[in-house]
Protein backbone atom coordinates (compact mmCIF):
# COMPACT_ATOMS: atom_id res chain seq x y z
CA MET A 1 -10.75 15.70 -7.10
CA SER A 2 -10.34 16.39 -3.40
CA GLU A 3 -7.08 15.95 -1.55
CA LEU A 4 -6.70 12.71 0.42
CA LEU A 5 -3.05 12.67 1.52
CA ARG A 6 -0.48 15.46 1.64
CA ILE A 7 3.11 14.86 2.72
CA GLU A 8 5.00 18.07 3.47
CA ASN A 9 8.81 18.22 3.74
CA LEU A 10 8.87 14.90 5.61
CA HIS A 11 12.14 13.95 7.29
CA ALA A 12 12.50 10.73 9.29
CA THR A 13 15.27 8.76 10.96
CA ALA A 14 15.86 5.22 12.21
CA ASP A 15 18.60 4.63 14.80
CA ASP A 16 19.67 8.27 14.34
CA VAL A 17 20.26 7.76 10.61
CA GLU A 18 18.26 10.08 8.37
CA ILE A 19 16.41 8.11 5.69
CA LEU A 20 13.66 10.45 4.51
CA LYS A 21 15.14 13.80 3.51
CA GLY A 22 12.26 16.09 2.67
CA VAL A 23 9.45 14.16 0.98
CA ASP A 24 6.70 16.18 -0.70
CA LEU A 25 3.81 14.27 -2.27
CA THR A 26 0.04 14.69 -2.66
CA VAL A 27 -2.52 11.97 -3.45
CA ASN A 28 -6.05 13.00 -4.39
CA ARG A 29 -9.14 10.83 -4.07
CA GLY A 30 -9.62 8.59 -7.07
CA GLU A 31 -5.93 8.61 -7.99
CA VAL A 32 -3.38 5.81 -8.22
CA HIS A 33 0.20 6.95 -7.57
CA ALA A 34 3.28 4.83 -8.20
CA LEU A 35 6.50 5.39 -6.25
CA MET A 36 9.51 3.92 -8.05
CA GLY A 37 13.05 3.76 -6.73
CA PRO A 38 16.05 1.47 -6.25
CA ASN A 39 16.85 -0.61 -3.17
CA GLY A 40 17.85 1.52 -0.20
CA SER A 41 16.17 4.67 -1.46
CA GLY A 42 13.72 4.84 1.47
CA LYS A 43 10.51 3.68 -0.22
CA SER A 44 9.56 1.14 2.46
CA THR A 45 10.58 3.60 5.16
CA LEU A 46 8.09 6.09 3.73
CA ALA A 47 5.33 3.45 3.82
CA ASN A 48 6.12 2.62 7.45
CA VAL A 49 6.36 6.26 8.50
CA LEU A 50 2.98 6.98 6.90
CA MET A 51 1.49 4.21 9.07
CA GLY A 52 3.25 5.39 12.24
CA HIS A 53 5.76 2.56 12.72
CA PRO A 54 7.46 3.18 16.10
CA ALA A 55 10.94 2.28 14.77
CA TYR A 56 11.01 5.56 12.83
CA GLU A 57 11.09 9.12 14.17
CA VAL A 58 9.70 12.03 12.21
CA THR A 59 12.11 14.93 12.74
CA GLU A 60 10.53 17.49 10.43
CA GLY A 61 7.48 17.92 8.23
CA ARG A 62 3.86 16.80 8.37
CA ILE A 63 1.51 14.06 7.19
CA ILE A 64 -1.95 15.44 6.42
CA TYR A 65 -4.63 12.79 5.88
CA GLN A 66 -8.22 13.76 5.05
CA GLY A 67 -7.44 17.28 6.25
CA GLU A 68 -6.10 16.17 9.65
CA ASP A 69 -2.50 16.23 10.82
CA VAL A 70 -1.71 12.58 11.67
CA THR A 71 2.07 12.97 11.98
CA GLU A 72 1.98 11.94 15.65
CA ALA A 73 -1.07 9.65 15.49
CA ALA A 74 -0.78 6.04 16.69
CA PRO A 75 -0.80 3.27 14.05
CA ASP A 76 -4.18 1.92 15.18
CA ALA A 77 -5.72 5.40 14.95
CA ARG A 78 -4.47 5.72 11.36
CA ALA A 79 -5.83 2.28 10.48
CA THR A 80 -9.20 3.07 12.04
CA ALA A 81 -9.28 6.28 10.00
CA GLY A 82 -8.93 4.24 6.82
CA MET A 83 -5.20 4.01 6.12
CA PHE A 84 -4.05 0.55 5.00
CA LEU A 85 -0.60 -0.92 4.37
CA ALA A 86 -0.15 -4.06 2.26
CA PHE A 87 3.14 -5.57 3.39
CA GLN A 88 6.00 -6.73 1.20
CA TYR A 89 6.32 -9.90 3.32
CA PRO A 90 2.98 -10.62 5.08
CA GLU A 91 3.36 -12.53 8.35
CA GLU A 92 1.87 -15.92 9.18
CA ILE A 93 -0.63 -16.05 12.05
CA PRO A 94 -1.19 -19.76 12.87
CA GLY A 95 -4.52 -20.64 14.45
CA VAL A 96 -6.32 -17.54 13.16
CA SER A 97 -8.36 -18.04 10.02
CA VAL A 98 -8.63 -15.44 7.29
CA VAL A 99 -12.30 -14.84 8.09
CA GLN A 100 -11.61 -14.50 11.85
CA PHE A 101 -8.86 -12.00 11.19
CA LEU A 102 -11.04 -9.96 8.87
CA ARG A 103 -13.93 -9.95 11.33
CA GLN A 104 -11.74 -8.42 14.04
CA ALA A 105 -10.09 -5.99 11.64
CA LEU A 106 -13.40 -4.80 10.22
CA THR A 107 -14.89 -4.37 13.70
CA ASN A 108 -11.90 -2.23 14.67
CA ARG A 109 -12.15 -0.28 11.42
CA THR A 110 -15.89 0.45 11.56
CA GLY A 111 -16.86 0.06 15.21
CA ILE A 112 -19.57 -2.40 14.12
CA ASP A 113 -19.60 -5.84 15.79
CA TYR A 114 -20.30 -8.07 12.80
CA THR A 115 -21.65 -11.55 13.41
CA VAL A 116 -19.67 -14.44 11.96
CA LEU A 117 -22.40 -14.97 9.34
CA GLU A 118 -22.51 -11.29 8.33
CA LEU A 119 -18.75 -11.18 7.96
CA ARG A 120 -18.58 -14.47 6.10
CA LEU A 121 -21.14 -13.24 3.56
CA LYS A 122 -19.15 -10.03 3.08
CA VAL A 123 -15.90 -11.97 2.65
CA MET A 124 -17.48 -14.43 0.22
CA GLU A 125 -18.83 -11.57 -1.87
CA ALA A 126 -15.38 -9.96 -1.99
CA MET A 127 -13.71 -13.28 -2.83
CA ALA A 128 -16.13 -13.92 -5.66
CA SER A 129 -15.43 -10.48 -7.13
CA LEU A 130 -11.69 -11.20 -6.96
CA GLY A 131 -12.02 -14.71 -8.42
CA MET A 132 -10.76 -16.44 -5.24
CA ASP A 133 -11.64 -19.95 -4.09
CA ALA A 134 -14.18 -19.92 -1.22
CA THR A 135 -12.08 -22.36 0.85
CA PHE A 136 -9.45 -19.66 1.21
CA ALA A 137 -11.49 -17.98 3.97
CA ASP A 138 -11.03 -20.86 6.45
CA ARG A 139 -7.27 -21.27 6.04
CA TYR A 140 -5.01 -19.92 8.75
CA LEU A 141 -3.72 -16.47 7.89
CA ASN A 142 -0.79 -16.83 5.47
CA GLU A 143 0.14 -20.26 6.91
CA GLY A 144 1.43 -22.36 4.02
CA PHE A 145 0.42 -19.66 1.55
CA SER A 146 2.47 -19.20 -1.60
CA GLY A 147 3.80 -15.73 -2.35
CA GLY A 148 0.93 -15.11 -4.72
CA GLU A 149 -1.66 -16.27 -2.18
CA ARG A 150 -0.23 -13.96 0.47
CA LYS A 151 -0.50 -11.01 -1.86
CA ARG A 152 -4.02 -11.96 -2.97
CA ASN A 153 -4.95 -12.12 0.70
CA GLU A 154 -3.74 -8.52 1.07
CA VAL A 155 -6.00 -7.52 -1.82
CA LEU A 156 -8.89 -9.38 -0.15
CA GLN A 157 -8.27 -7.41 3.04
CA MET A 158 -8.49 -4.18 1.05
CA ALA A 159 -11.73 -5.31 -0.58
CA VAL A 160 -13.33 -6.11 2.79
CA LEU A 161 -11.92 -3.22 4.86
CA GLU A 162 -12.47 -0.62 2.12
CA PRO A 163 -9.70 1.76 3.20
CA ALA A 164 -9.68 5.35 1.97
CA LEU A 165 -5.91 5.21 1.42
CA ALA A 166 -4.17 1.96 0.42
CA ILE A 167 -0.36 1.83 0.48
CA LEU A 168 1.15 -1.18 -1.30
CA ASP A 169 4.78 -1.80 -0.36
CA GLU A 170 6.38 -3.75 -3.23
CA THR A 171 3.37 -6.03 -3.56
CA ASP A 172 4.93 -7.41 -6.76
CA SER A 173 7.96 -8.78 -4.88
CA GLY A 174 8.50 -12.50 -5.56
CA LEU A 175 5.50 -12.95 -7.87
CA ASP A 176 5.57 -14.75 -11.19
CA ILE A 177 3.85 -13.10 -14.14
CA ASP A 178 0.50 -14.87 -13.66
CA ALA A 179 0.30 -14.07 -9.94
CA LEU A 180 1.37 -10.50 -10.66
CA ARG A 181 -1.42 -10.07 -13.18
CA THR A 182 -4.01 -11.52 -10.79
CA VAL A 183 -2.94 -9.28 -7.91
CA ALA A 184 -2.69 -6.18 -10.10
CA GLU A 185 -6.12 -6.75 -11.60
CA GLY A 186 -7.50 -7.17 -8.07
CA VAL A 187 -5.98 -3.85 -7.06
CA ARG A 188 -7.32 -2.17 -10.16
CA SER A 189 -10.83 -3.47 -9.41
CA LEU A 190 -10.74 -1.62 -6.08
CA VAL A 191 -9.95 1.80 -7.55
CA ALA A 192 -12.84 4.13 -6.73
CA PRO A 193 -13.53 7.89 -6.69
CA GLU A 194 -13.39 8.03 -2.88
CA ARG A 195 -10.17 5.99 -2.56
CA GLY A 196 -6.48 6.69 -3.23
CA PHE A 197 -3.57 4.32 -3.82
CA LEU A 198 0.18 4.68 -3.32
CA VAL A 199 1.89 1.74 -5.06
CA ILE A 200 5.57 1.25 -4.22
CA THR A 201 7.59 -0.81 -6.68
CA HIS A 202 10.96 -1.34 -8.37
CA TYR A 203 9.57 -2.48 -11.67
CA GLN A 204 7.48 -1.17 -14.50
CA ARG A 205 5.72 -4.48 -15.17
CA LEU A 206 3.28 -4.01 -12.25
CA LEU A 207 2.36 -0.59 -13.57
CA GLU A 208 1.39 -2.03 -16.95
CA TYR A 209 -1.59 -3.61 -15.17
CA VAL A 210 -2.28 -1.09 -12.40
CA LYS A 211 -2.09 1.92 -14.77
CA PRO A 212 -1.15 4.72 -12.33
CA ASP A 213 -2.27 8.30 -12.82
CA VAL A 214 1.03 9.68 -11.48
CA VAL A 215 4.53 8.19 -11.25
CA HIS A 216 7.08 9.51 -8.75
CA VAL A 217 10.81 8.82 -9.02
CA PHE A 218 12.09 8.31 -5.46
CA MET A 219 15.82 8.31 -4.69
CA ASP A 220 18.01 9.23 -1.74
CA GLY A 221 15.04 9.73 0.58
CA ARG A 222 13.03 12.16 -1.50
CA VAL A 223 10.91 12.53 -4.63
CA LEU A 224 13.15 13.69 -7.48
CA THR A 225 10.39 14.27 -10.00
CA SER A 226 6.84 13.26 -10.89
CA GLY A 227 5.01 12.70 -14.14
CA GLY A 228 3.09 10.18 -16.18
CA ILE A 229 3.69 6.55 -17.07
CA GLU A 230 6.49 7.65 -19.39
CA LEU A 231 8.72 8.09 -16.34
CA SER A 232 8.48 4.38 -15.53
CA GLU A 233 9.27 3.56 -19.15
CA GLN A 234 12.32 5.81 -19.02
CA LEU A 235 13.53 4.14 -15.83
CA GLU A 236 13.01 0.70 -17.34
CA ALA A 237 15.08 1.69 -20.38
CA ASP A 238 17.84 3.78 -18.81
CA GLY A 239 18.02 2.75 -15.14
CA TYR A 240 18.08 4.88 -12.00
CA ASP A 241 21.67 6.11 -12.23
CA ALA A 242 21.08 7.53 -15.67
CA PHE A 243 17.99 9.29 -14.40
CA ARG A 244 19.84 10.77 -11.42
CA ALA A 245 22.52 12.12 -13.73
CA THR A 246 19.95 14.18 -15.65
CA THR A 247 18.21 15.79 -12.66
């Protein structure tokens, strides 16, 4: 497997408060990585820093994506290069349909000016593969969507945009067990040899469906340790404080 993302000794602050305190992590193509940690550990900060959110300042370290240093790259440049962030709380965009949004996003991603028909066919194909109702495409983006629909829409975006690196920030937040299974199975269907995933979560239940290759325990702004799915099982049984006490 070839390296897709390498994070080296990454430190970052927000409002002069250090949140990331030396993150080291590598994701290879074809791999699904899970990042597990308690509230306030810096997981969402890491996701935002990886995408270049302007509210955070990188003070030390590097982000290497597809062999290029993107530490100082603008968010749109990272997105165009194939980095994707699925939000914990996707925003509503009234007046903009799902298919209109995806047409603009895909044009920006690929540089190809798709016609409405070409894009609609691509979206319909993706929706069919994900088991989504075709009427979903003409609804305004996230307006009136349930929590599960918002998260399925994020999976649809991944299916259409085909990012090389997909970062999912607590995509299981607020989902009941049926919606969680649907979203997780959609994510799993997108796993491919050329693509990598970083799945951020509190809970082991998502990982039962996503089946990560590597699990990272993330606390106090850094990765404490990494291993297999047994780490998530240990956290589920013993909690984060017990884990911290043994490291």
